[in-house]
Amino acid sequence: MAKTKTLLAVVLLVAVVGLGFYLFEKQTKQGEENIAVVPEATNSFQPLNASYEIEGQVVALVNGKAEQEIAPISITKIFTSVWADPVLGDLNNDGADDAALILTQDSGGSGTFFYVAVALNEAGKPKGINTILLGDRIAPQNISIKDGVIRVDYAVRNPDEPMVQAPSVGVSEYYKVVGNILQESQ
């Protein structure tokens, strides 16, 4: 009889501890779920989670990355990602900070293509617009915004140099948003 009572007490104790652990874990996970929902509810401007038009195709980034099949049922994919952090500044004169960024695209071949991109801030939500090709296998250095103009500094090769040569010629190019279209600027 004493063994039965002791066994029953041990089983009851294990059940109570197990239930307590379960409730604690459940409460912790609910707290984490609530925390995860808060940023979405605030409509914060997130240019790493926007869609951009690259070479006529819309690419939807999630946390700064995208993966697309080249063709249906293809094992070859196009990988798109953000190079460095986006820079903020008002690009369409609406008083809200927009974002300029450099995107890379790699389809598994020898090339890695770089594009300048813009996400306009529309009531706290990013609206990606067209992109402009900077080049293949260039060496980006910097992107900045001043007075509504985007400046991209990068290195390229001389026209007679092979693609295996490291880029060594410095280039600075300027871009503006005109009527929700990204264009080269002087």
C-alpha atoms as a PDB file:
ATOM      1  CA  MET A   1       0.000   0.000   0.000  1.00  0.00           C
ATOM      2  CA  ALA A   2       2.841   2.384   0.849  1.00  0.00           C
ATOM      3  CA  LYS A   3       4.502   1.610  -2.492  1.00  0.00           C
ATOM      4  CA  THR A   4       1.258   2.417  -4.287  1.00  0.00           C
ATOM      5  CA  LYS A   5       0.904   5.750  -2.478  1.00  0.00           C
ATOM      6  CA  THR A   6       4.535   6.634  -3.218  1.00  0.00           C
ATOM      7  CA  LEU A   7       4.141   5.661  -6.881  1.00  0.00           C
ATOM      8  CA  LEU A   8       0.902   7.675  -7.109  1.00  0.00           C
ATOM      9  CA  ALA A   9       2.612  10.694  -5.513  1.00  0.00           C
ATOM     10  CA  VAL A  10       5.538  10.464  -7.963  1.00  0.00           C
ATOM     11  CA  VAL A  11       3.178  10.172 -10.963  1.00  0.00           C
ATOM     12  CA  LEU A  12       1.130  13.125  -9.692  1.00  0.00           C
ATOM     13  CA  LEU A  13       4.285  15.182  -9.140  1.00  0.00           C
ATOM     14  CA  VAL A  14       5.570  14.400 -12.661  1.00  0.00           C
ATOM     15  CA  ALA A  15       2.159  15.315 -14.121  1.00  0.00           C
ATOM     16  CA  VAL A  16       2.053  18.639 -12.249  1.00  0.00           C
ATOM     17  CA  VAL A  17       5.632  19.519 -13.268  1.00  0.00           C
ATOM     18  CA  GLY A  18       4.889  18.503 -16.875  1.00  0.00           C
ATOM     19  CA  LEU A  19       1.694  20.591 -16.937  1.00  0.00           C
ATOM     20  CA  GLY A  20       3.550  23.561 -15.462  1.00  0.00           C
ATOM     21  CA  PHE A  21       6.298  23.263 -18.078  1.00  0.00           C
ATOM     22  CA  TYR A  22       3.705  22.983 -20.877  1.00  0.00           C
ATOM     23  CA  LEU A  23       1.838  26.089 -19.675  1.00  0.00           C
ATOM     24  CA  PHE A  24       5.101  28.024 -19.308  1.00  0.00           C
ATOM     25  CA  GLU A  25       6.195  27.127 -22.866  1.00  0.00           C
ATOM     26  CA  LYS A  26       2.746  27.972 -24.249  1.00  0.00           C
ATOM     27  CA  GLN A  27       2.777  31.383 -22.540  1.00  0.00           C
ATOM     28  CA  THR A  28       6.317  32.085 -23.793  1.00  0.00           C
ATOM     29  CA  LYS A  29       5.385  31.199 -27.380  1.00  0.00           C
ATOM     30  CA  GLN A  30       2.270  33.394 -27.219  1.00  0.00           C
ATOM     31  CA  GLY A  31       4.453  36.267 -26.056  1.00  0.00           C
ATOM     32  CA  GLU A  32       6.867  35.671 -28.951  1.00  0.00           C
ATOM     33  CA  GLU A  33       3.968  35.550 -31.426  1.00  0.00           C
ATOM     34  CA  ASN A  34       2.657  38.847 -30.097  1.00  0.00           C
ATOM     35  CA  ILE A  35       6.092  40.425 -30.454  1.00  0.00           C
ATOM     36  CA  ALA A  36       6.397  39.194 -34.059  1.00  0.00           C
ATOM     37  CA  VAL A  37       3.082  40.814 -35.023  1.00  0.00           C
ATOM     38  CA  VAL A  38       3.913  44.273 -33.694  1.00  0.00           C
ATOM     39  CA  PRO A  39       6.265  45.439 -36.520  1.00  0.00           C
ATOM     40  CA  GLU A  40       3.721  44.530 -39.210  1.00  0.00           C
ATOM     41  CA  ALA A  41       0.994  46.438 -37.399  1.00  0.00           C
ATOM     42  CA  THR A  42       3.114  49.605 -37.273  1.00  0.00           C
ATOM     43  CA  ASN A  43       3.432  49.817 -41.094  1.00  0.00           C
ATOM     44  CA  SER A  44       7.153  50.592 -40.810  1.00  0.00           C
ATOM     45  CA  PHE A  45       8.951  51.326 -44.066  1.00  0.00           C
ATOM     46  CA  GLN A  46      10.836  48.152 -45.062  1.00  0.00           C
ATOM     47  CA  PRO A  47      12.578  48.429 -48.469  1.00  0.00           C
ATOM     48  CA  LEU A  48      14.018  44.914 -47.982  1.00  0.00           C
ATOM     49  CA  ASN A  49      10.432  43.622 -48.293  1.00  0.00           C
ATOM     50  CA  ALA A  50       9.347  45.220 -51.550  1.00  0.00           C
ATOM     51  CA  SER A  51       8.919  44.267 -55.196  1.00  0.00           C
ATOM     52  CA  TYR A  52      11.249  45.739 -57.817  1.00  0.00           C
ATOM     53  CA  GLU A  53      11.154  45.635 -61.615  1.00  0.00           C
ATOM     54  CA  ILE A  54      14.372  44.150 -62.995  1.00  0.00           C
ATOM     55  CA  GLU A  55      14.734  43.716 -66.762  1.00  0.00           C
ATOM     56  CA  GLY A  56      10.937  43.721 -67.156  1.00  0.00           C
ATOM     57  CA  GLN A  57      10.347  41.102 -64.427  1.00  0.00           C
ATOM     58  CA  VAL A  58       8.878  41.839 -60.999  1.00  0.00           C
ATOM     59  CA  VAL A  59      11.041  40.468 -58.195  1.00  0.00           C
ATOM     60  CA  ALA A  60       9.530  40.327 -54.691  1.00  0.00           C
ATOM     61  CA  LEU A  61      12.157  40.546 -51.965  1.00  0.00           C
ATOM     62  CA  VAL A  62      11.645  39.056 -48.517  1.00  0.00           C
ATOM     63  CA  ASN A  63      14.247  40.213 -46.003  1.00  0.00           C
ATOM     64  CA  GLY A  64      16.366  41.458 -48.891  1.00  0.00           C
ATOM     65  CA  LYS A  65      16.394  38.203 -50.882  1.00  0.00           C
ATOM     66  CA  ALA A  66      14.441  36.467 -53.645  1.00  0.00           C
ATOM     67  CA  GLU A  67      14.730  33.194 -55.501  1.00  0.00           C
ATOM     68  CA  GLN A  68      12.932  32.539 -58.805  1.00  0.00           C
ATOM     69  CA  GLU A  69      12.952  29.672 -61.273  1.00  0.00           C
ATOM     70  CA  ILE A  70      14.298  30.650 -64.693  1.00  0.00           C
ATOM     71  CA  ALA A  71      11.522  28.606 -66.315  1.00  0.00           C
ATOM     72  CA  PRO A  72       8.685  26.440 -64.958  1.00  0.00           C
ATOM     73  CA  ILE A  73       9.991  23.175 -63.494  1.00  0.00           C
ATOM     74  CA  SER A  74      13.581  24.408 -63.850  1.00  0.00           C
ATOM     75  CA  ILE A  75      16.303  23.566 -61.372  1.00  0.00           C
ATOM     76  CA  THR A  76      18.184  26.701 -62.403  1.00  0.00           C
ATOM     77  CA  LYS A  77      17.226  29.705 -60.322  1.00  0.00           C
ATOM     78  CA  ILE A  78      17.826  33.421 -60.319  1.00  0.00           C
ATOM     79  CA  PHE A  79      18.982  34.722 -56.942  1.00  0.00           C
ATOM     80  CA  THR A  80      18.397  38.385 -56.165  1.00  0.00           C
ATOM     81  CA  SER A  81      19.706  40.097 -53.038  1.00  0.00           C
ATOM     82  CA  VAL A  82      20.476  43.508 -51.614  1.00  0.00           C
ATOM     83  CA  TRP A  83      24.099  44.663 -51.588  1.00  0.00           C
ATOM     84  CA  ALA A  84      24.749  46.591 -48.359  1.00  0.00           C
ATOM     85  CA  ASP A  85      22.139  48.549 -46.417  1.00  0.00           C
ATOM     86  CA  PRO A  86      19.637  50.793 -48.204  1.00  0.00           C
ATOM     87  CA  VAL A  87      20.193  54.531 -47.790  1.00  0.00           C
ATOM     88  CA  LEU A  88      17.316  56.862 -46.927  1.00  0.00           C
ATOM     89  CA  GLY A  89      16.370  60.269 -48.310  1.00  0.00           C
ATOM     90  CA  ASP A  90      13.431  62.013 -49.941  1.00  0.00           C
ATOM     91  CA  LEU A  91      13.548  61.140 -53.647  1.00  0.00           C
ATOM     92  CA  ASN A  92      10.108  62.343 -54.805  1.00  0.00           C
ATOM     93  CA  ASN A  93       9.718  65.585 -52.803  1.00  0.00           C
ATOM     94  CA  ASP A  94       6.853  64.342 -50.629  1.00  0.00           C
ATOM     95  CA  GLY A  95       8.646  64.911 -47.306  1.00  0.00           C
ATOM     96  CA  ALA A  96       8.991  61.172 -46.529  1.00  0.00           C
ATOM     97  CA  ASP A  97      12.244  59.235 -46.599  1.00  0.00           C
ATOM     98  CA  ASP A  98      12.468  56.860 -49.554  1.00  0.00           C
ATOM     99  CA  ALA A  99      15.225  54.265 -50.028  1.00  0.00           C
ATOM    100  CA  ALA A 100      17.936  53.747 -52.634  1.00  0.00           C
ATOM    101  CA  LEU A 101      19.741  50.433 -52.791  1.00  0.00           C
ATOM    102  CA  ILE A 102      21.874  48.212 -54.974  1.00  0.00           C
ATOM    103  CA  LEU A 103      20.496  44.819 -56.000  1.00  0.00           C
ATOM    104  CA  THR A 104      22.521  41.882 -57.296  1.00  0.00           C
ATOM    105  CA  GLN A 105      21.234  39.124 -59.557  1.00  0.00           C
ATOM    106  CA  ASP A 106      22.939  35.803 -60.134  1.00  0.00           C
ATOM    107  CA  SER A 107      21.493  33.101 -62.373  1.00  0.00           C
ATOM    108  CA  GLY A 108      24.197  30.532 -61.741  1.00  0.00           C
ATOM    109  CA  GLY A 109      26.353  31.483 -64.733  1.00  0.00           C
ATOM    110  CA  SER A 110      29.563  33.463 -64.616  1.00  0.00           C
ATOM    111  CA  GLY A 111      27.890  36.869 -64.307  1.00  0.00           C
ATOM    112  CA  THR A 112      26.645  38.775 -61.295  1.00  0.00           C
ATOM    113  CA  PHE A 113      24.595  41.775 -62.376  1.00  0.00           C
ATOM    114  CA  PHE A 114      24.230  44.903 -60.237  1.00  0.00           C
ATOM    115  CA  TYR A 115      21.267  47.305 -60.376  1.00  0.00           C
ATOM    116  CA  VAL A 116      20.433  50.590 -58.693  1.00  0.00           C
ATOM    117  CA  ALA A 117      16.907  50.437 -57.230  1.00  0.00           C
ATOM    118  CA  VAL A 118      14.469  52.691 -55.376  1.00  0.00           C
ATOM    119  CA  ALA A 119      11.643  52.022 -52.937  1.00  0.00           C
ATOM    120  CA  LEU A 120       9.289  54.964 -52.590  1.00  0.00           C
ATOM    121  CA  ASN A 121       7.676  55.468 -49.196  1.00  0.00           C
ATOM    122  CA  GLU A 122       3.916  55.421 -49.726  1.00  0.00           C
ATOM    123  CA  ALA A 123       2.264  55.932 -46.338  1.00  0.00           C
ATOM    124  CA  GLY A 124       4.895  53.779 -44.656  1.00  0.00           C
ATOM    125  CA  LYS A 125       4.834  51.004 -47.260  1.00  0.00           C
ATOM    126  CA  PRO A 126       7.649  50.510 -49.782  1.00  0.00           C
ATOM    127  CA  LYS A 127       6.809  50.721 -53.483  1.00  0.00           C
ATOM    128  CA  GLY A 128       9.665  49.467 -55.627  1.00  0.00           C
ATOM    129  CA  ILE A 129       9.981  50.986 -59.069  1.00  0.00           C
ATOM    130  CA  ASN A 130      12.154  50.228 -62.097  1.00  0.00           C
ATOM    131  CA  THR A 131      15.831  49.437 -61.688  1.00  0.00           C
ATOM    132  CA  ILE A 132      18.798  50.455 -63.828  1.00  0.00           C
ATOM    133  CA  LEU A 133      21.666  48.116 -64.666  1.00  0.00           C
ATOM    134  CA  LEU A 134      25.032  49.251 -63.328  1.00  0.00           C
ATOM    135  CA  GLY A 135      27.000  46.368 -64.834  1.00  0.00           C
ATOM    136  CA  ASP A 136      28.219  42.793 -64.660  1.00  0.00           C
ATOM    137  CA  ARG A 137      30.781  41.841 -62.006  1.00  0.00           C
ATOM    138  CA  ILE A 138      31.460  45.420 -60.987  1.00  0.00           C
ATOM    139  CA  ALA A 139      32.786  46.399 -57.550  1.00  0.00           C
ATOM    140  CA  PRO A 140      30.250  48.599 -55.736  1.00  0.00           C
ATOM    141  CA  GLN A 141      31.764  51.030 -53.254  1.00  0.00           C
ATOM    142  CA  ASN A 142      29.025  53.328 -51.986  1.00  0.00           C
ATOM    143  CA  ILE A 143      25.472  54.570 -52.513  1.00  0.00           C
ATOM    144  CA  SER A 144      24.192  57.862 -51.119  1.00  0.00           C
ATOM    145  CA  ILE A 145      21.366  60.396 -51.436  1.00  0.00           C
ATOM    146  CA  LYS A 146      21.809  64.160 -51.387  1.00  0.00           C
ATOM    147  CA  ASP A 147      19.145  66.711 -52.338  1.00  0.00           C
ATOM    148  CA  GLY A 148      16.980  64.050 -53.980  1.00  0.00           C
ATOM    149  CA  VAL A 149      19.805  62.708 -56.146  1.00  0.00           C
ATOM    150  CA  ILE A 150      21.242  59.203 -55.786  1.00  0.00           C
ATOM    151  CA  ARG A 151      24.991  58.784 -56.210  1.00  0.00           C
ATOM    152  CA  VAL A 152      26.467  55.342 -56.844  1.00  0.00           C
ATOM    153  CA  ASP A 153      30.235  54.869 -56.690  1.00  0.00           C
ATOM    154  CA  TYR A 154      31.725  51.671 -58.080  1.00  0.00           C
ATOM    155  CA  ALA A 155      34.655  50.263 -60.015  1.00  0.00           C
ATOM    156  CA  VAL A 156      34.622  48.759 -63.525  1.00  0.00           C
ATOM    157  CA  ARG A 157      37.221  47.322 -65.880  1.00  0.00           C
ATOM    158  CA  ASN A 158      38.787  49.129 -68.815  1.00  0.00           C
ATOM    159  CA  PRO A 159      37.031  48.163 -72.081  1.00  0.00           C
ATOM    160  CA  ASP A 160      40.013  46.050 -73.209  1.00  0.00           C
ATOM    161  CA  GLU A 161      40.323  44.110 -69.926  1.00  0.00           C
ATOM    162  CA  PRO A 162      38.923  40.591 -69.538  1.00  0.00           C
ATOM    163  CA  MET A 163      36.109  39.888 -67.061  1.00  0.00           C
ATOM    164  CA  VAL A 164      38.510  37.891 -64.865  1.00  0.00           C
ATOM    165  CA  GLN A 165      40.452  41.117 -64.211  1.00  0.00           C
ATOM    166  CA  ALA A 166      39.480  42.862 -60.970  1.00  0.00           C
ATOM    167  CA  PRO A 167      37.578  46.144 -61.536  1.00  0.00           C
ATOM    168  CA  SER A 168      39.971  49.079 -61.009  1.00  0.00           C
ATOM    169  CA  VAL A 169      38.452  52.121 -62.733  1.00  0.00           C
ATOM    170  CA  GLY A 170      36.354  54.323 -60.429  1.00  0.00           C
ATOM    171  CA  VAL A 171      32.950  55.485 -61.666  1.00  0.00           C
ATOM    172  CA  SER A 172      30.319  57.736 -60.078  1.00  0.00           C
ATOM    173  CA  GLU A 173      26.828  57.832 -61.561  1.00  0.00           C
ATOM    174  CA  TYR A 174      23.794  59.876 -60.553  1.00  0.00           C
ATOM    175  CA  TYR A 175      20.083  59.016 -60.637  1.00  0.00           C
ATOM    176  CA  LYS A 176      16.783  60.793 -59.912  1.00  0.00           C
ATOM    177  CA  VAL A 177      13.168  59.778 -59.577  1.00  0.00           C
ATOM    178  CA  VAL A 178      11.038  61.631 -62.138  1.00  0.00           C
ATOM    179  CA  GLY A 179       7.309  60.888 -62.058  1.00  0.00           C
ATOM    180  CA  ASN A 180       7.845  57.581 -60.184  1.00  0.00           C
ATOM    181  CA  ILE A 181      10.463  56.451 -62.724  1.00  0.00           C
ATOM    182  CA  LEU A 182      14.136  56.063 -61.874  1.00  0.00           C
ATOM    183  CA  GLN A 183      16.306  57.830 -64.470  1.00  0.00           C
ATOM    184  CA  GLU A 184      19.953  58.674 -64.979  1.00  0.00           C
ATOM    185  CA  SER A 185      20.795  62.236 -64.009  1.00  0.00           C
ATOM    186  CA  GLN A 186      23.686  64.597 -64.797  1.00  0.00           C
END
